[in-house]
């Protein structure tokens, strides 16, 4: 996460070099036209900046509020194993209100799926992303939740393994005597 606060007001000559930044408690944090916040935990942070002119006179202070939003939790999606030519169990996408999901599959196509309560991915959706349920293989998909504010979760990888049909192979261990 990277962000920078800058003095947005028109500065008089020399003021950009003699700006002072303070936190909400009034502690001076730095001097200069910009301040690089170190607050990265979710929360609301207030900063104040003052400019001093060449005569040492202080301007009215300006306050800026920085809101750091929490990233959504990484989506939880169970791996699945299916037989050739069968469908996957629907994958229900659940997240925050207004969230959407980006899913990348083996085809490397990124498809944003708009969140709606109960939205589910079916075989057709995963096929468009590279699943081939007619070929035995392990297909990996990456999913990220994007909150309404644009914050991204950590990536979750889930797999769909398509397995060949199991063909039983009878074994004969030899003759069997009566009573065995």
N, C-alpha and C. Protein backbone atom coordinates (compact mmCIF):
# COMPACT_ATOMS: atom_id res chain seq x y z
N UNK A 1 0.86 -1.16 0.00
CA UNK A 1 0.00 0.00 0.00
C UNK A 1 0.91 1.23 0.00
N UNK A 2 0.67 2.15 -0.90
CA UNK A 2 1.49 3.35 -0.96
C UNK A 2 0.60 4.56 -1.16
N UNK A 3 0.88 5.59 -0.42
CA UNK A 3 0.12 6.83 -0.57
C UNK A 3 0.98 7.96 -0.06
N UNK A 4 0.68 9.16 -0.48
CA UNK A 4 1.42 10.33 -0.05
C UNK A 4 0.45 11.48 0.10
N UNK A 5 0.62 12.23 1.16
CA UNK A 5 -0.21 13.42 1.35
C UNK A 5 0.60 14.62 0.89
N UNK A 6 -0.02 15.52 0.20
CA UNK A 6 0.67 16.71 -0.28
C UNK A 6 -0.16 17.94 0.07
N UNK A 7 0.52 19.05 0.25
CA UNK A 7 -0.19 20.30 0.48
C UNK A 7 -0.88 20.66 -0.82
N UNK A 8 -2.21 20.80 -0.77
CA UNK A 8 -2.97 21.03 -1.98
C UNK A 8 -3.26 22.51 -2.20
N UNK A 9 -3.06 23.32 -1.17
CA UNK A 9 -3.31 24.75 -1.32
C UNK A 9 -2.17 25.37 -2.12
N UNK A 10 -2.46 26.54 -2.72
CA UNK A 10 -1.41 27.27 -3.41
C UNK A 10 -0.46 27.81 -2.36
N UNK A 11 0.81 27.47 -2.49
CA UNK A 11 1.80 27.86 -1.49
C UNK A 11 2.52 29.13 -1.93
N UNK A 12 2.78 30.01 -0.96
CA UNK A 12 3.57 31.20 -1.28
C UNK A 12 5.02 30.79 -1.40
N UNK A 13 5.80 31.63 -2.00
CA UNK A 13 7.21 31.34 -2.22
C UNK A 13 7.88 30.96 -0.92
N UNK A 14 8.56 29.82 -0.94
CA UNK A 14 9.31 29.37 0.23
C UNK A 14 8.50 28.54 1.21
N UNK A 15 7.19 28.56 1.10
CA UNK A 15 6.35 27.84 2.07
C UNK A 15 6.50 26.33 1.93
N UNK A 16 6.65 25.84 0.71
CA UNK A 16 6.74 24.39 0.51
C UNK A 16 7.92 23.80 1.27
N UNK A 17 8.98 24.58 1.41
CA UNK A 17 10.15 24.09 2.13
C UNK A 17 9.99 24.24 3.63
N UNK A 18 9.05 25.04 4.08
CA UNK A 18 8.86 25.25 5.51
C UNK A 18 7.43 24.92 5.91
N UNK A 19 6.97 23.77 5.47
CA UNK A 19 5.68 23.25 5.89
C UNK A 19 5.96 22.24 7.00
N UNK A 20 5.08 22.20 7.98
CA UNK A 20 5.25 21.27 9.09
C UNK A 20 3.99 20.44 9.25
N UNK A 21 4.18 19.13 9.35
CA UNK A 21 3.09 18.17 9.46
C UNK A 21 2.99 17.66 10.89
N UNK A 22 1.73 17.54 11.38
CA UNK A 22 1.49 17.09 12.75
C UNK A 22 0.44 15.98 12.74
N UNK A 23 0.52 15.08 13.71
CA UNK A 23 -0.54 14.09 13.85
C UNK A 23 -1.65 14.66 14.72
N UNK A 24 -2.68 13.87 14.99
CA UNK A 24 -3.84 14.36 15.74
C UNK A 24 -3.46 14.77 17.17
N UNK A 25 -2.40 14.19 17.70
CA UNK A 25 -1.96 14.53 19.06
C UNK A 25 -1.12 15.80 19.09
N UNK A 26 -0.82 16.36 17.91
CA UNK A 26 -0.03 17.59 17.84
C UNK A 26 1.47 17.37 17.75
N UNK A 27 1.90 16.13 17.60
CA UNK A 27 3.32 15.81 17.47
C UNK A 27 3.78 16.10 16.05
N UNK A 28 4.87 16.86 15.92
CA UNK A 28 5.40 17.15 14.58
C UNK A 28 5.97 15.88 13.99
N UNK A 29 5.57 15.61 12.76
CA UNK A 29 5.97 14.38 12.09
C UNK A 29 7.09 14.59 11.09
N UNK A 30 7.02 15.68 10.36
CA UNK A 30 8.04 15.96 9.34
C UNK A 30 7.87 17.40 8.86
N UNK A 31 8.80 17.85 8.04
CA UNK A 31 8.70 19.15 7.39
C UNK A 31 8.79 18.93 5.89
N UNK A 32 8.25 19.84 5.13
CA UNK A 32 8.30 19.75 3.67
C UNK A 32 6.91 19.78 3.08
N UNK A 33 6.86 19.83 1.77
CA UNK A 33 5.59 19.99 1.06
C UNK A 33 4.75 18.72 1.10
N UNK A 34 5.36 17.55 1.32
CA UNK A 34 4.61 16.30 1.35
C UNK A 34 4.93 15.52 2.62
N UNK A 35 4.02 14.64 2.96
CA UNK A 35 4.22 13.74 4.10
C UNK A 35 3.84 12.34 3.65
N UNK A 36 4.72 11.38 3.87
CA UNK A 36 4.46 9.98 3.56
C UNK A 36 3.98 9.29 4.84
N UNK A 37 2.69 9.03 4.98
CA UNK A 37 2.18 8.43 6.21
C UNK A 37 2.76 7.04 6.45
N UNK A 38 2.91 6.70 7.69
CA UNK A 38 3.36 5.36 8.07
C UNK A 38 2.22 4.56 8.68
N UNK A 39 1.06 5.16 8.80
CA UNK A 39 -0.11 4.47 9.35
C UNK A 39 -0.70 3.57 8.28
N UNK A 40 -0.61 2.27 8.49
CA UNK A 40 -1.14 1.34 7.49
C UNK A 40 -2.23 0.44 8.04
N UNK A 41 -2.43 0.46 9.35
CA UNK A 41 -3.52 -0.33 9.92
C UNK A 41 -4.84 0.34 9.58
N UNK A 42 -5.89 -0.45 9.38
CA UNK A 42 -7.19 0.17 9.10
C UNK A 42 -7.57 1.15 10.20
N UNK A 43 -8.07 2.30 9.78
CA UNK A 43 -8.50 3.32 10.73
C UNK A 43 -8.57 4.67 10.06
N UNK A 44 -8.89 5.69 10.84
CA UNK A 44 -8.98 7.06 10.35
C UNK A 44 -7.87 7.85 11.03
N UNK A 45 -7.06 8.52 10.24
CA UNK A 45 -5.92 9.27 10.75
C UNK A 45 -6.07 10.73 10.33
N UNK A 46 -5.79 11.64 11.25
CA UNK A 46 -5.90 13.07 10.98
C UNK A 46 -4.52 13.69 11.03
N UNK A 47 -4.21 14.49 10.03
CA UNK A 47 -2.93 15.20 9.95
C UNK A 47 -3.22 16.67 9.73
N UNK A 48 -2.36 17.49 10.30
CA UNK A 48 -2.47 18.94 10.14
C UNK A 48 -1.17 19.45 9.55
N UNK A 49 -1.27 20.43 8.65
CA UNK A 49 -0.08 21.03 8.07
C UNK A 49 -0.16 22.55 8.26
N UNK A 50 0.99 23.14 8.57
CA UNK A 50 1.11 24.59 8.69
C UNK A 50 2.26 25.04 7.82
N UNK A 51 2.14 26.23 7.28
CA UNK A 51 3.21 26.82 6.48
C UNK A 51 3.77 28.03 7.22
N UNK A 52 5.06 28.16 7.12
CA UNK A 52 5.73 29.31 7.70
C UNK A 52 6.35 30.11 6.56
N UNK A 53 6.09 31.44 6.53
CA UNK A 53 6.66 32.25 5.47
C UNK A 53 8.09 32.65 5.83
N UNK A 54 8.72 33.40 4.94
CA UNK A 54 10.13 33.79 5.14
C UNK A 54 10.32 34.63 6.39
N UNK A 55 9.26 35.26 6.89
CA UNK A 55 9.35 36.07 8.10
C UNK A 55 9.07 35.23 9.36
N UNK A 56 8.78 33.92 9.18
CA UNK A 56 8.49 33.07 10.33
C UNK A 56 7.04 33.11 10.77
N UNK A 57 6.20 33.79 9.99
CA UNK A 57 4.78 33.85 10.34
C UNK A 57 4.11 32.55 9.91
N UNK A 58 3.24 32.05 10.76
CA UNK A 58 2.56 30.79 10.48
C UNK A 58 1.22 31.05 9.81
N UNK A 59 0.89 30.19 8.87
CA UNK A 59 -0.41 30.28 8.18
C UNK A 59 -1.48 29.66 9.06
N UNK A 60 -2.72 29.79 8.62
CA UNK A 60 -3.77 29.00 9.24
C UNK A 60 -3.46 27.53 8.92
N UNK A 61 -3.76 26.66 9.82
CA UNK A 61 -3.47 25.25 9.57
C UNK A 61 -4.55 24.64 8.69
N UNK A 62 -4.17 23.59 7.97
CA UNK A 62 -5.11 22.82 7.15
C UNK A 62 -5.06 21.38 7.66
N UNK A 63 -6.21 20.77 7.70
CA UNK A 63 -6.30 19.39 8.20
C UNK A 63 -6.73 18.47 7.07
N UNK A 64 -6.12 17.30 7.05
CA UNK A 64 -6.50 16.27 6.08
C UNK A 64 -6.74 14.99 6.86
N UNK A 65 -7.73 14.24 6.40
CA UNK A 65 -8.07 12.98 7.06
C UNK A 65 -7.76 11.85 6.09
N UNK A 66 -7.04 10.86 6.58
CA UNK A 66 -6.70 9.68 5.78
C UNK A 66 -7.46 8.50 6.36
N UNK A 67 -8.24 7.84 5.53
CA UNK A 67 -8.95 6.64 5.95
C UNK A 67 -8.29 5.44 5.29
N UNK A 68 -7.80 4.53 6.11
CA UNK A 68 -7.21 3.30 5.62
C UNK A 68 -8.25 2.20 5.83
N UNK A 69 -8.72 1.65 4.73
CA UNK A 69 -9.76 0.61 4.79
C UNK A 69 -9.14 -0.77 4.90
N UNK A 70 -9.82 -1.66 5.56
CA UNK A 70 -9.36 -3.04 5.67
C UNK A 70 -9.54 -3.75 4.34
N UNK A 71 -8.58 -4.59 3.99
CA UNK A 71 -8.74 -5.43 2.81
C UNK A 71 -9.74 -6.53 3.14
N UNK A 72 -10.51 -6.96 2.16
CA UNK A 72 -11.43 -8.06 2.43
C UNK A 72 -10.65 -9.34 2.74
N UNK A 73 -11.27 -10.24 3.45
CA UNK A 73 -10.64 -11.54 3.73
C UNK A 73 -10.50 -12.30 2.41
N UNK A 74 -9.47 -13.13 2.34
CA UNK A 74 -9.29 -13.95 1.14
C UNK A 74 -10.48 -14.89 0.98
N UNK A 75 -10.97 -15.05 -0.24
CA UNK A 75 -12.11 -15.95 -0.46
C UNK A 75 -11.75 -17.39 -0.06
N UNK A 76 -12.73 -18.12 0.40
CA UNK A 76 -12.55 -19.53 0.75
C UNK A 76 -13.29 -20.35 -0.30
N UNK A 77 -12.54 -21.12 -1.07
CA UNK A 77 -13.12 -21.96 -2.11
C UNK A 77 -12.49 -23.35 -1.98
N UNK A 78 -13.31 -24.36 -1.86
CA UNK A 78 -12.81 -25.74 -1.71
C UNK A 78 -12.36 -26.31 -3.05
N UNK A 79 -11.29 -27.08 -3.01
CA UNK A 79 -10.85 -27.82 -4.20
C UNK A 79 -11.89 -28.89 -4.50
N UNK A 80 -11.99 -29.26 -5.78
CA UNK A 80 -12.95 -30.29 -6.17
C UNK A 80 -12.27 -31.33 -7.04
N UNK A 81 -12.78 -32.55 -6.97
CA UNK A 81 -12.35 -33.62 -7.87
C UNK A 81 -13.60 -34.12 -8.56
N UNK A 82 -13.55 -34.14 -9.90
CA UNK A 82 -14.69 -34.61 -10.68
C UNK A 82 -14.23 -35.67 -11.67
N UNK A 83 -15.16 -36.48 -12.10
CA UNK A 83 -14.87 -37.47 -13.14
C UNK A 83 -14.99 -36.80 -14.51
N UNK A 84 -14.38 -37.44 -15.51
CA UNK A 84 -14.49 -36.94 -16.88
C UNK A 84 -15.95 -36.70 -17.24
N UNK A 85 -16.19 -35.63 -17.96
CA UNK A 85 -17.50 -35.30 -18.52
C UNK A 85 -18.59 -35.06 -17.47
N UNK A 86 -18.20 -34.70 -16.26
CA UNK A 86 -19.20 -34.36 -15.24
C UNK A 86 -19.04 -32.90 -14.87
N UNK A 87 -20.03 -32.38 -14.19
CA UNK A 87 -20.03 -30.97 -13.81
C UNK A 87 -19.42 -30.78 -12.42
N UNK A 88 -18.88 -29.59 -12.20
CA UNK A 88 -18.40 -29.23 -10.87
C UNK A 88 -19.60 -28.87 -10.01
N UNK A 89 -19.42 -28.98 -8.71
CA UNK A 89 -20.45 -28.48 -7.80
C UNK A 89 -20.37 -26.96 -7.87
N UNK A 90 -21.52 -26.29 -7.90
CA UNK A 90 -21.51 -24.83 -7.99
C UNK A 90 -20.69 -24.24 -6.85
N UNK A 91 -19.92 -23.21 -7.17
CA UNK A 91 -19.10 -22.50 -6.19
C UNK A 91 -19.81 -21.19 -5.89
N UNK A 92 -20.30 -21.05 -4.68
CA UNK A 92 -21.04 -19.86 -4.29
C UNK A 92 -20.04 -18.80 -3.83
N UNK A 93 -20.10 -17.63 -4.45
CA UNK A 93 -19.23 -16.52 -4.09
C UNK A 93 -19.90 -15.69 -3.01
N UNK A 94 -19.24 -15.56 -1.88
CA UNK A 94 -19.78 -14.74 -0.81
C UNK A 94 -18.72 -13.73 -0.39
N UNK A 95 -19.15 -12.53 -0.16
CA UNK A 95 -18.23 -11.46 0.23
C UNK A 95 -19.01 -10.29 0.77
N UNK A 96 -18.35 -9.16 0.86
CA UNK A 96 -18.98 -7.96 1.39
C UNK A 96 -20.00 -7.38 0.43
N UNK A 97 -20.85 -6.53 0.95
CA UNK A 97 -21.86 -5.86 0.13
C UNK A 97 -21.15 -5.03 -0.94
N UNK A 98 -21.54 -5.21 -2.18
CA UNK A 98 -20.96 -4.45 -3.28
C UNK A 98 -19.64 -5.00 -3.78
N UNK A 99 -19.19 -6.11 -3.22
CA UNK A 99 -17.92 -6.71 -3.66
C UNK A 99 -18.06 -7.37 -5.02
N UNK A 100 -16.94 -7.51 -5.68
CA UNK A 100 -16.87 -8.30 -6.91
C UNK A 100 -15.67 -9.23 -6.77
N UNK A 101 -15.56 -10.14 -7.70
CA UNK A 101 -14.48 -11.12 -7.65
C UNK A 101 -13.78 -11.15 -9.00
N UNK A 102 -12.45 -11.25 -8.97
CA UNK A 102 -11.68 -11.48 -10.19
C UNK A 102 -11.18 -12.90 -10.12
N UNK A 103 -11.45 -13.64 -11.17
CA UNK A 103 -11.02 -15.04 -11.22
C UNK A 103 -10.17 -15.23 -12.46
N UNK A 104 -9.00 -15.81 -12.25
CA UNK A 104 -8.09 -16.12 -13.35
C UNK A 104 -7.96 -17.63 -13.40
N UNK A 105 -8.12 -18.18 -14.59
CA UNK A 105 -8.02 -19.63 -14.75
C UNK A 105 -6.84 -20.00 -15.60
N UNK A 106 -6.77 -21.27 -15.97
CA UNK A 106 -5.65 -21.75 -16.78
C UNK A 106 -5.50 -21.03 -18.12
N UNK A 107 -6.59 -20.45 -18.63
CA UNK A 107 -6.50 -19.73 -19.91
C UNK A 107 -5.92 -18.34 -19.75
N UNK A 108 -5.67 -17.91 -18.49
CA UNK A 108 -5.12 -16.59 -18.15
C UNK A 108 -6.07 -15.44 -18.49
N UNK A 109 -7.34 -15.75 -18.69
CA UNK A 109 -8.35 -14.72 -18.91
C UNK A 109 -8.81 -14.23 -17.54
N UNK A 110 -8.80 -12.92 -17.33
CA UNK A 110 -9.29 -12.36 -16.07
C UNK A 110 -10.74 -11.96 -16.27
N UNK A 111 -11.61 -12.51 -15.48
CA UNK A 111 -13.04 -12.23 -15.61
C UNK A 111 -13.57 -11.68 -14.30
N UNK A 112 -13.87 -10.39 -14.23
CA UNK A 112 -14.49 -9.90 -13.00
C UNK A 112 -15.92 -10.43 -12.91
N UNK A 113 -16.22 -11.07 -11.80
CA UNK A 113 -17.56 -11.59 -11.57
C UNK A 113 -18.18 -10.69 -10.53
N UNK A 114 -19.26 -10.00 -10.89
CA UNK A 114 -19.90 -9.08 -9.96
C UNK A 114 -20.58 -9.85 -8.86
N UNK A 115 -20.27 -9.45 -7.62
CA UNK A 115 -20.87 -10.11 -6.46
C UNK A 115 -22.34 -9.79 -6.38
N UNK A 116 -23.09 -10.81 -6.09
CA UNK A 116 -24.50 -10.67 -5.77
C UNK A 116 -24.78 -11.83 -4.83
N UNK A 117 -25.50 -11.60 -3.78
CA UNK A 117 -25.74 -12.66 -2.81
C UNK A 117 -26.22 -13.90 -3.51
N UNK A 118 -25.50 -14.99 -3.29
CA UNK A 118 -25.88 -16.26 -3.90
C UNK A 118 -25.31 -16.49 -5.28
N UNK A 119 -24.52 -15.57 -5.81
CA UNK A 119 -23.92 -15.79 -7.12
C UNK A 119 -23.07 -17.04 -7.06
N UNK A 120 -23.18 -17.88 -8.06
CA UNK A 120 -22.39 -19.11 -8.06
C UNK A 120 -21.75 -19.33 -9.41
N UNK A 121 -20.60 -19.97 -9.36
CA UNK A 121 -19.89 -20.35 -10.58
C UNK A 121 -20.25 -21.78 -10.91
N UNK A 122 -20.61 -22.03 -12.14
CA UNK A 122 -20.95 -23.38 -12.59
C UNK A 122 -19.89 -23.83 -13.58
N UNK A 123 -20.04 -25.04 -14.07
CA UNK A 123 -19.07 -25.61 -15.01
C UNK A 123 -18.86 -24.69 -16.21
N UNK A 124 -19.93 -24.10 -16.74
CA UNK A 124 -19.81 -23.22 -17.91
C UNK A 124 -18.91 -22.02 -17.61
N UNK A 125 -19.04 -21.44 -16.41
CA UNK A 125 -18.21 -20.29 -16.04
C UNK A 125 -16.74 -20.69 -15.98
N UNK A 126 -16.48 -21.84 -15.38
CA UNK A 126 -15.10 -22.31 -15.24
C UNK A 126 -14.52 -22.77 -16.57
N UNK A 127 -15.38 -23.30 -17.45
CA UNK A 127 -14.93 -23.69 -18.78
C UNK A 127 -14.45 -22.46 -19.56
N UNK A 128 -15.15 -21.35 -19.42
CA UNK A 128 -14.73 -20.11 -20.08
C UNK A 128 -13.37 -19.63 -19.58
N UNK A 129 -13.00 -20.05 -18.37
CA UNK A 129 -11.72 -19.67 -17.79
C UNK A 129 -10.63 -20.71 -18.02
N UNK A 130 -10.96 -21.81 -18.71
CA UNK A 130 -9.93 -22.79 -19.06
C UNK A 130 -10.14 -24.19 -18.55
N UNK A 131 -11.21 -24.46 -17.81
CA UNK A 131 -11.48 -25.82 -17.37
C UNK A 131 -11.93 -26.65 -18.57
N UNK A 132 -11.38 -27.86 -18.70
CA UNK A 132 -11.82 -28.80 -19.73
C UNK A 132 -12.19 -30.08 -19.03
N UNK A 133 -13.48 -30.29 -18.80
CA UNK A 133 -13.91 -31.47 -18.05
C UNK A 133 -13.93 -32.73 -18.92
N UNK A 134 -13.39 -32.63 -20.15
CA UNK A 134 -13.26 -33.81 -21.01
C UNK A 134 -11.82 -34.32 -21.04
N UNK A 135 -10.92 -33.63 -20.34
CA UNK A 135 -9.50 -34.01 -20.31
C UNK A 135 -9.03 -34.11 -18.87
N UNK A 136 -8.49 -35.28 -18.52
CA UNK A 136 -7.99 -35.47 -17.16
C UNK A 136 -6.79 -34.55 -16.93
N UNK A 137 -6.88 -33.74 -15.85
CA UNK A 137 -5.83 -32.80 -15.53
C UNK A 137 -6.21 -32.11 -14.22
N UNK A 138 -5.26 -31.34 -13.68
CA UNK A 138 -5.55 -30.49 -12.52
C UNK A 138 -5.56 -29.06 -13.03
N UNK A 139 -6.68 -28.37 -12.84
CA UNK A 139 -6.86 -27.01 -13.33
C UNK A 139 -6.87 -26.06 -12.14
N UNK A 140 -5.98 -25.07 -12.17
CA UNK A 140 -5.86 -24.11 -11.06
C UNK A 140 -6.52 -22.79 -11.40
N UNK A 141 -7.18 -22.21 -10.40
CA UNK A 141 -7.86 -20.93 -10.55
C UNK A 141 -7.46 -20.04 -9.38
N UNK A 142 -7.23 -18.77 -9.66
CA UNK A 142 -6.94 -17.77 -8.62
C UNK A 142 -8.15 -16.86 -8.51
N UNK A 143 -8.53 -16.55 -7.27
CA UNK A 143 -9.69 -15.69 -7.03
C UNK A 143 -9.32 -14.61 -6.02
N UNK A 144 -9.77 -13.39 -6.30
CA UNK A 144 -9.53 -12.23 -5.43
C UNK A 144 -10.86 -11.52 -5.23
N UNK A 145 -11.14 -11.14 -3.99
CA UNK A 145 -12.32 -10.32 -3.73
C UNK A 145 -11.91 -8.86 -3.79
N UNK A 146 -12.73 -8.04 -4.43
CA UNK A 146 -12.50 -6.60 -4.51
C UNK A 146 -13.69 -5.93 -3.84
N UNK A 147 -13.40 -5.18 -2.78
CA UNK A 147 -14.48 -4.52 -2.04
C UNK A 147 -15.07 -3.39 -2.86
N UNK A 148 -16.21 -2.88 -2.42
CA UNK A 148 -16.86 -1.76 -3.10
C UNK A 148 -15.95 -0.55 -3.16
N UNK A 149 -15.02 -0.42 -2.19
CA UNK A 149 -14.09 0.71 -2.15
C UNK A 149 -12.84 0.46 -2.99
N UNK A 150 -12.73 -0.74 -3.57
CA UNK A 150 -11.57 -1.06 -4.42
C UNK A 150 -10.43 -1.76 -3.72
N UNK A 151 -10.59 -2.11 -2.46
CA UNK A 151 -9.55 -2.84 -1.73
C UNK A 151 -9.58 -4.31 -2.17
N UNK A 152 -8.38 -4.89 -2.31
CA UNK A 152 -8.26 -6.26 -2.82
C UNK A 152 -7.83 -7.22 -1.72
N UNK A 153 -8.43 -8.39 -1.72
CA UNK A 153 -8.04 -9.43 -0.77
C UNK A 153 -6.75 -10.10 -1.25
N UNK A 154 -6.22 -10.96 -0.41
CA UNK A 154 -5.13 -11.83 -0.84
C UNK A 154 -5.70 -12.82 -1.85
N UNK A 155 -4.84 -13.36 -2.68
CA UNK A 155 -5.26 -14.33 -3.70
C UNK A 155 -5.47 -15.69 -3.05
N UNK A 156 -6.54 -16.35 -3.43
CA UNK A 156 -6.79 -17.73 -3.04
C UNK A 156 -6.71 -18.57 -4.31
N UNK A 157 -6.00 -19.68 -4.24
CA UNK A 157 -5.94 -20.60 -5.37
C UNK A 157 -6.76 -21.83 -5.03
N UNK A 158 -7.60 -22.24 -5.96
CA UNK A 158 -8.33 -23.49 -5.80
C UNK A 158 -8.17 -24.30 -7.07
N UNK A 159 -8.35 -25.61 -6.95
CA UNK A 159 -8.16 -26.50 -8.09
C UNK A 159 -9.40 -27.33 -8.35
N UNK A 160 -9.56 -27.66 -9.61
CA UNK A 160 -10.56 -28.63 -10.05
C UNK A 160 -9.74 -29.74 -10.71
N UNK A 161 -9.79 -30.91 -10.12
CA UNK A 161 -9.06 -32.04 -10.69
C UNK A 161 -10.05 -32.92 -11.44
N UNK A 162 -9.79 -33.11 -12.74
CA UNK A 162 -10.62 -33.98 -13.57
C UNK A 162 -9.87 -35.30 -13.66
N UNK A 163 -10.52 -36.38 -13.18
CA UNK A 163 -9.86 -37.69 -13.15
C UNK A 163 -10.47 -38.62 -14.17
N UNK A 164 -9.61 -39.54 -14.66
CA UNK A 164 -10.09 -40.57 -15.58
C UNK A 164 -11.09 -41.45 -14.86
N UNK A 165 -11.91 -42.09 -15.65
CA UNK A 165 -12.84 -43.04 -15.06
C UNK A 165 -12.05 -44.17 -14.42
N UNK A 166 -12.51 -44.61 -13.31
CA UNK A 166 -11.83 -45.71 -12.62
C UNK A 166 -12.33 -47.01 -13.21
N UNK A 167 -11.40 -47.80 -13.69
CA UNK A 167 -11.75 -49.09 -14.28
C UNK A 167 -11.25 -50.15 -13.31
N UNK A 168 -12.15 -50.93 -12.75
CA UNK A 168 -11.70 -51.96 -11.82
C UNK A 168 -10.90 -53.04 -12.54
N UNK A 169 -9.85 -53.49 -11.91
CA UNK A 169 -9.01 -54.54 -12.47
C UNK A 169 -9.10 -55.72 -11.51
N UNK A 170 -9.79 -56.77 -11.94
CA UNK A 170 -9.90 -57.92 -11.05
C UNK A 170 -8.56 -58.61 -10.90
N UNK A 171 -8.32 -59.14 -9.73
CA UNK A 171 -7.08 -59.86 -9.46
C UNK A 171 -7.45 -61.27 -9.03
N UNK A 172 -6.68 -62.22 -9.48
CA UNK A 172 -6.87 -63.61 -9.10
C UNK A 172 -5.61 -64.04 -8.40
N UNK A 173 -5.73 -64.42 -7.13
CA UNK A 173 -4.53 -64.83 -6.40
C UNK A 173 -4.35 -66.34 -6.42
N UNK A 174 -5.05 -67.00 -7.25
CA UNK A 174 -4.85 -68.45 -7.36
C UNK A 174 -6.09 -69.20 -6.97
N UNK A 175 -5.99 -70.50 -6.99
CA UNK A 175 -7.15 -71.31 -6.62
C UNK A 175 -7.45 -71.19 -5.15
N UNK A 176 -8.69 -71.40 -4.82
CA UNK A 176 -9.16 -71.35 -3.43
C UNK A 176 -9.70 -72.70 -3.08
N UNK A 177 -9.32 -73.19 -1.93
CA UNK A 177 -9.82 -74.49 -1.48
C UNK A 177 -11.14 -74.31 -0.77
N UNK A 178 -11.92 -75.36 -0.79
CA UNK A 178 -13.21 -75.34 -0.13
C UNK A 178 -13.00 -75.02 1.36
N UNK A 179 -13.78 -74.07 1.90
CA UNK A 179 -13.70 -73.68 3.29
C UNK A 179 -12.76 -72.53 3.57
N UNK A 180 -12.02 -72.11 2.58
CA UNK A 180 -11.09 -70.97 2.78
C UNK A 180 -11.79 -69.67 2.60
